[in-house]
Protein backbone atom coordinates (compact mmCIF):
# COMPACT_ATOMS: atom_id res chain seq x y z
CA MET A 1 22.65 32.79 -16.87
CA ALA A 2 20.60 30.62 -18.80
CA GLU A 3 17.05 32.03 -19.13
CA LYS A 4 14.10 30.26 -17.20
CA ARG A 5 10.54 29.68 -18.15
CA LEU A 6 8.13 31.64 -16.04
CA ASP A 7 5.77 29.29 -15.62
CA GLU A 8 7.85 26.71 -14.30
CA PHE A 9 9.01 28.84 -11.53
CA VAL A 10 5.89 31.47 -10.67
CA LEU A 11 1.95 31.69 -10.44
CA ARG A 12 -0.01 34.27 -11.74
CA LEU A 13 -3.63 33.55 -10.86
CA HIS A 14 -5.53 36.31 -12.37
CA PRO A 15 -4.98 38.43 -15.48
CA ASP A 16 -4.83 41.63 -13.58
CA ASP A 17 -2.36 40.53 -10.69
CA ASN A 18 0.56 42.35 -10.44
CA VAL A 19 1.90 39.72 -8.45
CA ALA A 20 2.29 36.38 -8.79
CA VAL A 21 2.98 33.23 -6.40
CA VAL A 22 6.26 31.46 -6.47
CA LYS A 23 6.27 27.69 -6.79
CA ARG A 24 9.45 26.98 -6.20
CA PRO A 25 12.15 28.25 -4.84
CA LEU A 26 13.50 30.93 -6.75
CA LYS A 27 17.20 32.68 -6.41
CA ILE A 28 18.10 35.93 -6.49
CA GLY A 29 19.43 36.63 -10.45
CA THR A 30 17.14 34.29 -11.93
CA GLN A 31 16.13 35.38 -15.61
CA PHE A 32 12.79 34.70 -16.96
CA GLU A 33 11.87 34.71 -21.36
CA THR A 34 9.76 37.71 -20.25
CA GLY A 35 12.75 40.19 -19.32
CA LEU A 36 11.63 39.49 -15.89
CA THR A 37 14.86 39.18 -12.93
CA ALA A 38 14.11 37.72 -9.29
CA ASN A 39 16.18 40.55 -7.38
CA ARG A 40 16.27 38.52 -4.24
CA ASP A 41 16.20 34.76 -2.88
CA ILE A 42 12.50 34.13 -2.62
CA PRO A 43 11.07 30.91 -1.30
CA PRO A 44 8.12 29.04 -2.52
CA GLY A 45 4.57 30.52 -1.39
CA HIS A 46 5.65 34.11 -1.21
CA LYS A 47 4.95 37.10 -4.09
CA ILE A 48 6.71 38.07 -6.59
CA ALA A 49 6.44 41.70 -8.41
CA MET A 50 5.34 40.98 -12.15
CA ALA A 51 5.28 45.02 -12.72
CA GLU A 52 6.45 48.38 -10.98
CA ILE A 53 3.79 49.24 -7.97
CA PRO A 54 4.70 52.72 -7.52
CA GLU A 55 4.45 53.38 -3.31
CA GLY A 56 0.86 53.61 -2.58
CA GLN A 57 -0.32 51.88 -5.22
CA ALA A 58 -2.34 48.71 -4.67
CA VAL A 59 -1.00 45.55 -4.98
CA ARG A 60 -3.65 42.42 -6.79
CA LYS A 61 -3.18 38.80 -5.88
CA TYR A 62 -6.78 36.80 -7.13
CA GLY A 63 -7.92 39.72 -9.37
CA GLN A 64 -8.56 41.51 -6.06
CA ILE A 65 -6.27 43.81 -3.54
CA ILE A 66 -4.55 42.23 -0.90
CA GLY A 67 -2.55 45.14 -0.12
CA PHE A 68 -1.07 48.88 -0.87
CA ALA A 69 2.97 49.24 -1.84
CA LYS A 70 4.64 50.67 1.71
CA ILE A 71 7.37 51.61 -0.72
CA ALA A 72 7.79 51.76 -4.58
CA ILE A 73 8.31 47.59 -6.22
CA ARG A 74 10.25 47.13 -8.98
CA PRO A 75 9.55 43.99 -11.26
CA GLY A 76 10.99 41.49 -9.81
CA ASP A 77 11.19 42.37 -5.94
CA HIS A 78 9.92 40.06 -3.69
CA VAL A 79 6.99 41.07 -1.75
CA HIS A 80 5.63 40.14 1.63
CA THR A 81 5.19 42.17 4.69
CA HIS A 82 8.71 44.92 4.47
CA ASN A 83 6.79 46.01 1.52
CA VAL A 84 3.02 45.58 1.58
CA MET A 85 0.42 48.09 3.56
CA MET A 86 -2.69 47.51 4.38
CA LYS A 87 -4.87 50.73 4.60
CA ASP A 88 -8.62 50.98 4.01
CA PHE A 89 -10.09 50.91 0.43
CA GLY A 90 -13.42 50.85 -0.87
CA ARG A 91 -14.65 47.32 -2.09
CA ASP A 92 -17.21 45.93 -4.43
CA TYR A 93 -18.25 42.87 -3.33
CA GLN A 94 -20.20 41.15 -6.12
CA PHE A 95 -21.04 37.51 -5.75
CA CYS A 96 -21.52 35.05 -8.79
CA VAL A 97 -21.14 38.25 -11.24
CA ASP A 98 -19.65 35.55 -13.75
CA ALA A 99 -22.46 33.11 -12.95
CA ARG A 100 -23.87 31.17 -16.10
CA PRO A 101 -26.97 29.66 -16.38
CA ILE A 102 -26.21 26.11 -17.72
CA ASP A 103 -29.26 24.31 -20.02
CA TYR A 104 -29.79 20.93 -18.42
CA ARG A 105 -31.06 18.44 -20.41
CA LYS A 106 -34.33 16.85 -19.62
CA ASP A 107 -33.98 13.85 -20.92
CA VAL A 108 -30.79 12.23 -18.95
CA ARG A 109 -32.93 10.23 -16.18
CA THR A 110 -30.04 7.49 -15.60
CA PHE A 111 -26.79 6.96 -14.48
CA GLN A 112 -24.85 4.63 -13.75
CA GLY A 113 -25.34 4.10 -10.12
CA TYR A 114 -26.20 1.18 -7.47
CA ALA A 115 -30.09 0.99 -7.24
CA ARG A 116 -30.67 0.48 -3.34
CA PRO A 117 -33.68 -0.76 -1.18
CA ASN A 118 -36.55 2.23 -0.50
CA GLY A 119 -35.73 4.06 -3.87
CA ARG A 120 -31.79 5.19 -2.70
CA VAL A 121 -29.18 4.91 -4.85
CA GLY A 122 -25.32 4.60 -4.68
CA THR A 123 -22.30 5.61 -6.51
CA ARG A 124 -20.13 3.33 -5.36
CA ASN A 125 -20.17 -0.04 -4.08
CA TYR A 126 -18.47 -0.49 -0.44
CA ILE A 127 -18.70 -3.26 2.13
CA ALA A 128 -18.02 -1.00 5.57
CA VAL A 129 -16.30 -3.08 8.70
CA ILE A 130 -17.70 -0.58 11.09
CA SER A 131 -16.67 -0.39 15.12
CA SER A 132 -18.68 0.06 18.27
CA VAL A 133 -16.26 1.64 20.36
CA ASN A 134 -12.73 2.56 19.85
CA CYS A 135 -11.79 -1.05 21.32
CA SER A 136 -13.11 -2.98 18.14
CA ALA A 137 -10.82 -0.41 15.91
CA SER A 138 -7.81 -2.35 15.69
CA VAL A 139 -9.79 -6.13 14.83
CA SER A 140 -11.82 -4.12 11.80
CA HIS A 141 -8.86 -2.32 10.52
CA TYR A 142 -7.62 -6.15 10.49
CA VAL A 143 -10.94 -7.40 8.72
CA ALA A 144 -10.51 -5.02 6.02
CA ASN A 145 -7.01 -5.06 5.19
CA ARG A 146 -7.26 -8.61 4.33
CA PHE A 147 -9.70 -7.53 1.34
CA LYS A 148 -7.13 -5.02 -0.21
CA ASP A 149 -6.51 -7.20 -3.66
CA LEU A 150 -9.71 -6.63 -4.83
CA ARG A 151 -9.07 -9.34 -7.53
CA ASP A 152 -11.77 -12.00 -5.98
CA PHE A 153 -13.86 -9.64 -5.64
CA PRO A 154 -14.59 -7.74 -8.93
CA ASN A 155 -18.02 -6.47 -8.47
CA ILE A 156 -17.09 -4.04 -5.08
CA ASP A 157 -15.38 -1.05 -4.93
CA GLY A 158 -13.47 -1.79 -1.70
CA VAL A 159 -13.87 -2.25 1.79
CA ILE A 160 -13.81 0.33 4.20
CA ALA A 161 -12.74 -0.05 8.05
CA PHE A 162 -14.60 2.70 10.01
CA THR A 163 -13.77 3.27 13.27
CA HIS A 164 -13.62 6.37 16.12
CA LYS A 165 -11.95 6.81 19.13
CA SER A 166 -15.44 6.73 21.59
CA GLY A 167 -18.17 4.25 22.87
CA CYS A 168 -15.55 2.39 25.52
CA GLY A 169 -16.98 4.84 28.79
CA ILE A 170 -18.78 7.00 27.15
CA GLN A 171 -21.03 9.36 29.11
CA THR A 172 -25.07 7.64 28.68
CA GLY A 173 -27.69 10.10 26.85
CA GLU A 174 -27.92 12.25 23.98
CA PRO A 175 -23.58 11.44 23.43
CA ASN A 176 -24.03 7.99 23.02
CA GLN A 177 -27.17 8.61 21.14
CA LEU A 178 -25.43 10.34 18.22
CA LEU A 179 -22.78 7.82 17.81
CA GLN A 180 -25.96 5.41 17.75
CA ARG A 181 -27.05 7.53 14.86
CA VAL A 182 -24.07 7.87 13.38
CA LEU A 183 -23.35 4.34 12.97
CA ALA A 184 -26.79 3.62 11.85
CA GLY A 185 -26.04 6.06 9.12
CA LEU A 186 -23.17 4.32 7.64
CA ALA A 187 -24.74 0.98 8.05
CA ARG A 188 -27.58 2.55 5.61
CA HIS A 189 -25.27 4.56 3.59
CA PRO A 190 -26.32 4.05 -0.16
CA ASN A 191 -22.85 3.57 -1.23
CA ILE A 192 -22.60 0.69 1.63
CA SER A 193 -23.59 -2.48 -0.30
CA GLY A 194 -23.35 -4.30 3.53
CA TYR A 195 -21.42 -4.55 6.10
CA VAL A 196 -19.92 -5.71 9.86
CA MET A 197 -20.54 -4.14 12.62
CA ILE A 198 -17.77 -5.36 15.57
CA GLY A 199 -17.71 -4.31 19.18
CA LEU A 200 -15.66 -5.39 22.23
CA GLY A 201 -18.53 -6.65 24.67
CA CYS A 202 -18.28 -5.02 27.54
CA GLU A 203 -18.31 -1.07 26.29
CA VAL A 204 -21.14 1.31 27.23
CA ASN A 205 -22.03 1.47 23.60
CA GLN A 206 -23.33 -2.37 23.36
CA ILE A 207 -24.15 -3.66 19.19
CA GLN A 208 -27.73 -4.55 20.88
CA PHE A 209 -28.86 -1.46 21.74
CA ILE A 210 -27.86 0.19 18.23
CA VAL A 211 -29.24 -3.38 16.58
CA LYS A 212 -32.75 -1.99 18.81
CA ASP A 213 -32.94 1.34 18.74
CA HIS A 214 -32.26 1.68 15.35
CA LYS A 215 -33.89 -1.58 13.63
CA LEU A 216 -30.72 -2.98 12.31
CA ASP A 217 -31.85 -6.77 11.97
CA GLN A 218 -34.63 -6.25 10.42
CA PRO A 219 -32.88 -5.36 6.21
CA GLN A 220 -35.69 -4.16 4.00
CA PRO A 221 -36.51 -6.07 0.99
CA GLY A 222 -33.27 -6.94 -0.89
CA GLU A 223 -30.72 -5.27 1.81
CA LEU A 224 -27.89 -8.36 2.43
CA ALA A 225 -28.26 -9.43 6.12
CA PRO A 226 -25.81 -7.73 8.21
CA THR A 227 -23.27 -9.27 10.98
CA PHE A 228 -22.92 -8.19 14.04
CA MET A 229 -20.11 -9.13 16.64
CA THR A 230 -17.53 -8.69 19.19
CA ILE A 231 -14.43 -9.94 20.32
CA GLN A 232 -14.91 -11.37 23.31
CA ASN A 233 -17.68 -13.86 21.88
CA ALA A 234 -15.79 -14.18 19.05
CA GLY A 235 -12.68 -16.07 21.50
CA GLY A 236 -10.36 -12.99 20.79
CA VAL A 237 -8.38 -11.08 18.43
CA ARG A 238 -7.56 -13.38 16.42
CA LYS A 239 -10.79 -15.20 15.90
CA ALA A 240 -12.36 -12.30 15.61
CA VAL A 241 -10.90 -11.27 12.64
CA GLU A 242 -11.03 -14.73 11.04
CA THR A 243 -14.76 -14.50 11.94
CA GLY A 244 -15.61 -10.98 10.61
CA VAL A 245 -13.64 -11.49 7.67
CA ALA A 246 -15.58 -15.03 7.05
CA ALA A 247 -19.07 -12.09 7.58
CA VAL A 248 -17.69 -10.07 4.60
CA GLN A 249 -16.95 -12.74 2.33
CA LYS A 250 -20.60 -13.79 2.87
CA LEU A 251 -21.53 -10.33 1.72
């Protein structure tokens, strides 16, 4: 049988490990250039012994003890619950002992980002289609999907639909207020350059209340004016999609 490259079949996570993780199905009798031979079939994700592990000795993975040999384990054995046991042992909880200080360059104060009003900075330039209610999720996706080809819109990173499964019969008070805060936060996120918010029209989580409570109709100087719309006022799904697409194109 031709010898195989060990690194094609197993992953050894730490130099001190006496077991390695099998990456692809390993058949009994498979021989490697290192001299290791698989003693049985081992499925992916399971462990193979890389060295002799005497009975009672530690089994090491990630450079840490994960158990102890229940019986003597030979190189090439399948290492699993049938031959590994747990027992008490001392642990050394040293966190970040390998951390090294980083020399920061104090003269570098710029990066390629997007300046937003009030000093905010984005690392992306997206347009958002935000659903106020689960009932408008499909329309929001239909609108965003019209902009999959960005060749005509080279200055944005994409149009994203933000949808959820609430807002229709949601409990008033804190549950509804929480949803509104999340939606308003999406609208004002520095990675969002502009947005369209779409509702159904008869839901508990009315767009008009989100706008009023979070002052979304008062854009800051330099902000793009958003569009707020409902499917019912637009005249149905098809017309709502066309209205939403036109609103995105204006941003």
